[in-house]
Every structure is written in structure tokens, then in C-alpha cells.
Amino acid sequence: QVNSKQGGSACRERHVVLLSPVGRIKISGCETGVHEIKLPRMSLLPSGAESSVACEVCEGGEEMPEPLQQCTAWLRAYFCEPATTGSLPLPAFHHPLLQRDSFTRQVLWTLLKDVKFGEAVSYKQLAGLAGNSRAARAVGGAMRSNPIPIIIPCHRVIRSSGDSGNYGGGQLLKEWLLCHEKLQQEKVAR
């Protein structure tokens, strides 16, 4: 038993490691929801934008609470069969940043709902979608504090100049994710 990030209510935190085309993704959560997704730091891109690595749980797969099962299923689909992510349930989130009412929460939920697979949005555009077009810097702060990357797709937020901008998982990972989505969109369009 550990105290949750909610400030005192006890929750049994579980950890799962998903082996993905971009490396080991560490996921933590409890029965209530996903706490956090930690991305690997990439020092080089997997060979080609399409990596042959299958997506599978390599640690912590036993007795996974439902939110972690949903999270790993969603991430597996994202990497291996992206067209199916829309039909999968999103896992519940159990992180204080996503519970309390704030502009950061508003930005993250807006990004999750409104910026679809294969799309990109500028910090300024996302600020406008979230209700304050002058808050592009605050959007940058929200992206830095996103506890659920990839599912809440902060990699899709780019600079107005078209430059990809910064990313918690590093520049290479952001570029790989954007390229992965673009390639998958092209496959569907054929």
C-alpha cells in the first residue's frame, strides 16, 4: 500500500513495463487509474520509422488492474495497429494534475479530445482551443507536466514555425512519433 498522488488516500500502485518500438515504456497506476507513463530517452532512432519490435508487456504483467490493462492495450494498438485506437476504451487517469480544475487540465483534455492521430497543432492554436489564445506559454508548461504522454498526445504540439519544438521524451522520440503517425495516415489513405 502506498499513498496515492491524491494526497493521502491509499492506493496500491502497480508498475508495468511495455517493450515498444521506441524502447521500454514504464507505466504506473492503481485500480482507480493510470498515474504516469514514463518514456525512454532515445539516443538514436529505431531503424526506419517502422520498427519490427512487437509491443509486449515485459515486466509486471501479472495481476494488472484494469486501467493498466487498458493502457497497455491502447499503447500496443498505437504502435502496431493505430487505426484501432479509436475503438479502444481510454484508461482512467489517477493523477492530481488531471483531477483538479486548472488551465493545465483544460489544455490536456482539449488536446486529448480535439487533436486527432496524424494531426499537429501549434502551442498558440491549442491555447485558443482551450479557451485562452494568449496563453501559448502556459500551454508549453502544460505539455512539460503531462503525466500521460502518447495517450494525451503532447508530441502533436509543435511551434507555429512548423519546428517540432521540445519534448519530454527528447527530440528524436517526438520526431519518431510524428513520423509514425504520418506513415500510418498514408497507409490508410492508399
Protein backbone atom coordinates (compact mmCIF):
# COMPACT_ATOMS: atom_id res chain seq x y z
CA GLN A 1 0.00 0.00 0.00
CA VAL A 2 1.29 3.43 -0.90
CA ASN A 3 -0.28 6.83 -0.61
CA SER A 4 -1.64 7.92 -3.92
CA LYS A 5 -0.68 11.18 -5.53
CA GLN A 6 -4.14 12.33 -4.47
CA GLY A 7 -2.86 13.33 -1.06
CA GLY A 8 -3.42 10.58 1.41
CA SER A 9 -5.98 8.12 0.05
CA ALA A 10 -4.21 4.79 -0.08
CA CYS A 11 -3.88 3.03 -3.39
CA ARG A 12 -1.80 0.03 -4.38
CA GLU A 13 0.48 1.32 -7.06
CA ARG A 14 1.50 -1.21 -9.71
CA HIS A 15 4.22 -0.90 -12.32
CA VAL A 16 4.27 -2.35 -15.81
CA VAL A 17 6.99 -2.14 -18.44
CA LEU A 18 5.92 -2.29 -22.09
CA LEU A 19 8.58 -3.16 -24.62
CA SER A 20 7.77 -0.98 -27.64
CA PRO A 21 9.39 0.00 -30.94
CA VAL A 22 10.84 3.06 -29.16
CA GLY A 23 12.12 1.20 -26.10
CA ARG A 24 10.89 0.41 -22.59
CA ILE A 25 7.83 2.42 -21.56
CA LYS A 26 7.21 2.39 -17.79
CA ILE A 27 3.60 2.71 -16.68
CA SER A 28 2.38 3.14 -13.11
CA GLY A 29 -1.16 3.11 -11.80
CA CYS A 30 -3.68 1.55 -9.47
CA GLU A 31 -7.24 0.19 -9.55
CA THR A 32 -8.53 3.76 -9.93
CA GLY A 33 -6.43 4.75 -12.93
CA VAL A 34 -3.09 5.33 -14.62
CA HIS A 35 -0.73 7.53 -12.60
CA GLU A 36 2.02 8.07 -15.12
CA ILE A 37 3.68 6.94 -18.34
CA LYS A 38 7.46 7.33 -18.44
CA LEU A 39 9.00 7.33 -21.90
CA PRO A 40 12.51 6.12 -22.70
CA ARG A 41 15.12 8.68 -23.71
CA MET A 42 16.20 7.85 -27.23
CA SER A 43 19.74 8.47 -28.36
CA LEU A 44 19.11 7.06 -31.81
CA LEU A 45 16.04 6.24 -33.86
CA PRO A 46 14.93 2.65 -34.37
CA SER A 47 15.89 1.51 -37.88
CA GLY A 48 13.34 3.01 -40.21
CA ALA A 49 10.19 4.67 -38.94
CA GLU A 50 8.59 1.22 -38.90
CA SER A 51 10.30 -0.89 -36.29
CA SER A 52 9.82 -4.63 -36.28
CA VAL A 53 9.77 -4.83 -32.47
CA ALA A 54 6.48 -6.24 -31.25
CA CYS A 55 4.76 -4.42 -28.42
CA GLU A 56 4.52 -6.57 -25.33
CA VAL A 57 4.49 -6.32 -21.55
CA CYS A 58 7.89 -7.49 -20.32
CA GLU A 59 7.55 -6.72 -16.59
CA GLY A 60 4.62 -6.53 -14.17
CA GLY A 61 2.07 -8.31 -16.36
CA GLU A 62 0.65 -10.43 -13.55
CA GLU A 63 -2.41 -9.08 -11.69
CA MET A 64 -2.62 -5.85 -13.66
CA PRO A 65 -5.51 -3.62 -12.59
CA GLU A 66 -7.96 -2.80 -15.38
CA PRO A 67 -6.64 0.75 -16.07
CA LEU A 68 -3.14 -0.67 -16.68
CA GLN A 69 -4.55 -3.41 -18.91
CA GLN A 70 -6.42 -0.75 -20.92
CA CYS A 71 -3.32 1.46 -21.05
CA THR A 72 -1.03 -1.30 -22.34
CA ALA A 73 -3.69 -2.43 -24.87
CA TRP A 74 -4.06 1.16 -26.09
CA LEU A 75 -0.29 1.69 -26.41
CA ARG A 76 0.13 -1.67 -28.16
CA ALA A 77 -2.55 -0.64 -30.67
CA TYR A 78 -0.96 2.80 -31.10
CA PHE A 79 2.34 1.25 -32.17
CA CYS A 80 1.09 -1.85 -34.02
CA GLU A 81 -2.46 -1.15 -35.29
CA PRO A 82 -3.09 2.60 -34.91
CA ALA A 83 -6.40 2.52 -36.78
CA THR A 84 -7.88 0.53 -33.86
CA THR A 85 -7.08 3.04 -31.08
CA GLY A 86 -10.34 4.92 -31.66
CA SER A 87 -12.38 1.82 -30.83
CA LEU A 88 -10.48 1.07 -27.61
CA PRO A 89 -11.51 2.48 -24.23
CA LEU A 90 -9.17 5.08 -22.79
CA PRO A 91 -7.89 4.04 -19.37
CA ALA A 92 -8.99 6.07 -16.36
CA PHE A 93 -6.36 8.54 -15.18
CA HIS A 94 -5.46 8.90 -11.49
CA HIS A 95 -3.05 11.82 -11.31
CA PRO A 96 -3.76 15.01 -9.30
CA LEU A 97 -2.95 17.22 -12.28
CA LEU A 98 -5.86 15.67 -14.17
CA GLN A 99 -8.26 15.78 -11.20
CA ARG A 100 -8.22 19.41 -10.09
CA ASP A 101 -9.69 22.17 -12.18
CA SER A 102 -6.91 24.18 -13.83
CA PHE A 103 -5.86 25.61 -17.18
CA THR A 104 -3.27 22.79 -17.47
CA ARG A 105 -6.01 20.18 -17.08
CA GLN A 106 -8.19 22.03 -19.61
CA VAL A 107 -5.30 22.10 -22.11
CA LEU A 108 -4.52 18.39 -21.66
CA TRP A 109 -8.18 17.32 -22.02
CA THR A 110 -8.61 19.57 -25.06
CA LEU A 111 -5.51 18.04 -26.64
CA LEU A 112 -6.81 14.52 -25.92
CA LYS A 113 -10.27 15.22 -27.39
CA ASP A 114 -9.55 17.58 -30.28
CA VAL A 115 -6.16 16.77 -31.82
CA LYS A 116 -6.51 13.52 -33.70
CA PHE A 117 -3.98 10.91 -34.80
CA GLY A 118 -1.71 12.29 -37.52
CA GLU A 119 -2.61 15.93 -36.81
CA ALA A 120 -0.40 18.61 -35.31
CA VAL A 121 -1.36 21.83 -33.58
CA SER A 122 0.71 24.84 -32.53
CA TYR A 123 1.00 25.93 -28.92
CA LYS A 124 -0.98 29.08 -29.84
CA GLN A 125 -3.73 27.09 -31.61
CA LEU A 126 -4.05 24.75 -28.64
CA ALA A 127 -4.25 27.72 -26.28
CA GLY A 128 -7.16 29.03 -28.37
CA LEU A 129 -8.91 25.65 -28.40
CA ALA A 130 -8.55 25.52 -24.60
CA GLY A 131 -10.15 28.96 -24.25
CA ASN A 132 -7.26 31.46 -23.96
CA SER A 133 -5.48 32.24 -27.23
CA ARG A 134 -2.87 34.38 -25.42
CA ALA A 135 -1.69 31.51 -23.22
CA ALA A 136 0.76 29.75 -25.58
CA ARG A 137 3.50 29.79 -22.90
CA ALA A 138 1.11 28.20 -20.38
CA VAL A 139 0.37 25.50 -22.98
CA GLY A 140 4.11 24.81 -23.12
CA GLY A 141 4.08 24.38 -19.33
CA ALA A 142 1.10 22.02 -19.59
CA MET A 143 2.95 19.92 -22.17
CA ARG A 144 6.01 19.68 -19.86
CA SER A 145 3.85 18.48 -16.97
CA ASN A 146 1.77 15.94 -18.94
CA PRO A 147 1.86 12.71 -16.88
CA ILE A 148 0.29 10.55 -19.64
CA PRO A 149 2.32 11.16 -22.84
CA ILE A 150 1.35 9.44 -26.11
CA ILE A 151 -2.24 8.84 -24.89
CA ILE A 152 -2.52 12.57 -24.14
CA PRO A 153 -0.59 13.39 -27.32
CA CYS A 154 1.70 16.27 -26.35
CA HIS A 155 4.04 15.13 -29.15
CA ARG A 156 1.46 16.59 -31.59
CA VAL A 157 2.03 20.13 -30.30
CA ILE A 158 4.57 21.99 -32.41
CA ARG A 159 5.82 25.55 -32.80
CA SER A 160 3.97 27.97 -35.08
CA SER A 161 7.06 27.96 -37.34
CA GLY A 162 6.47 24.25 -38.02
CA ASP A 163 9.54 23.27 -35.97
CA SER A 164 8.73 20.28 -33.75
CA GLY A 165 9.74 22.03 -30.51
CA ASN A 166 10.75 20.38 -27.24
CA TYR A 167 9.51 17.06 -25.86
CA GLY A 168 9.88 15.31 -22.51
CA GLY A 169 10.96 12.10 -24.23
CA GLY A 170 13.53 14.01 -26.28
CA GLN A 171 13.61 15.40 -29.81
CA LEU A 172 14.25 12.05 -31.52
CA LEU A 173 11.26 10.39 -29.88
CA LYS A 174 8.95 13.29 -30.77
CA GLU A 175 10.08 13.17 -34.38
CA TRP A 176 9.69 9.36 -34.47
CA LEU A 177 6.12 9.57 -33.09
CA LEU A 178 5.13 12.27 -35.61
CA CYS A 179 6.69 10.27 -38.46
CA HIS A 180 4.98 7.06 -37.26
CA GLU A 181 1.58 8.80 -37.34
CA LYS A 182 2.22 10.35 -40.76
CA LEU A 183 3.24 6.99 -42.24
CA GLN A 184 0.19 5.28 -40.77
CA GLN A 185 -2.08 8.02 -42.20
CA GLU A 186 -0.54 7.48 -45.64
CA LYS A 187 -1.18 3.73 -45.42
CA VAL A 188 -4.84 4.33 -44.63
CA ALA A 189 -5.16 6.86 -47.46
CA ARG A 190 -3.93 4.35 -50.09
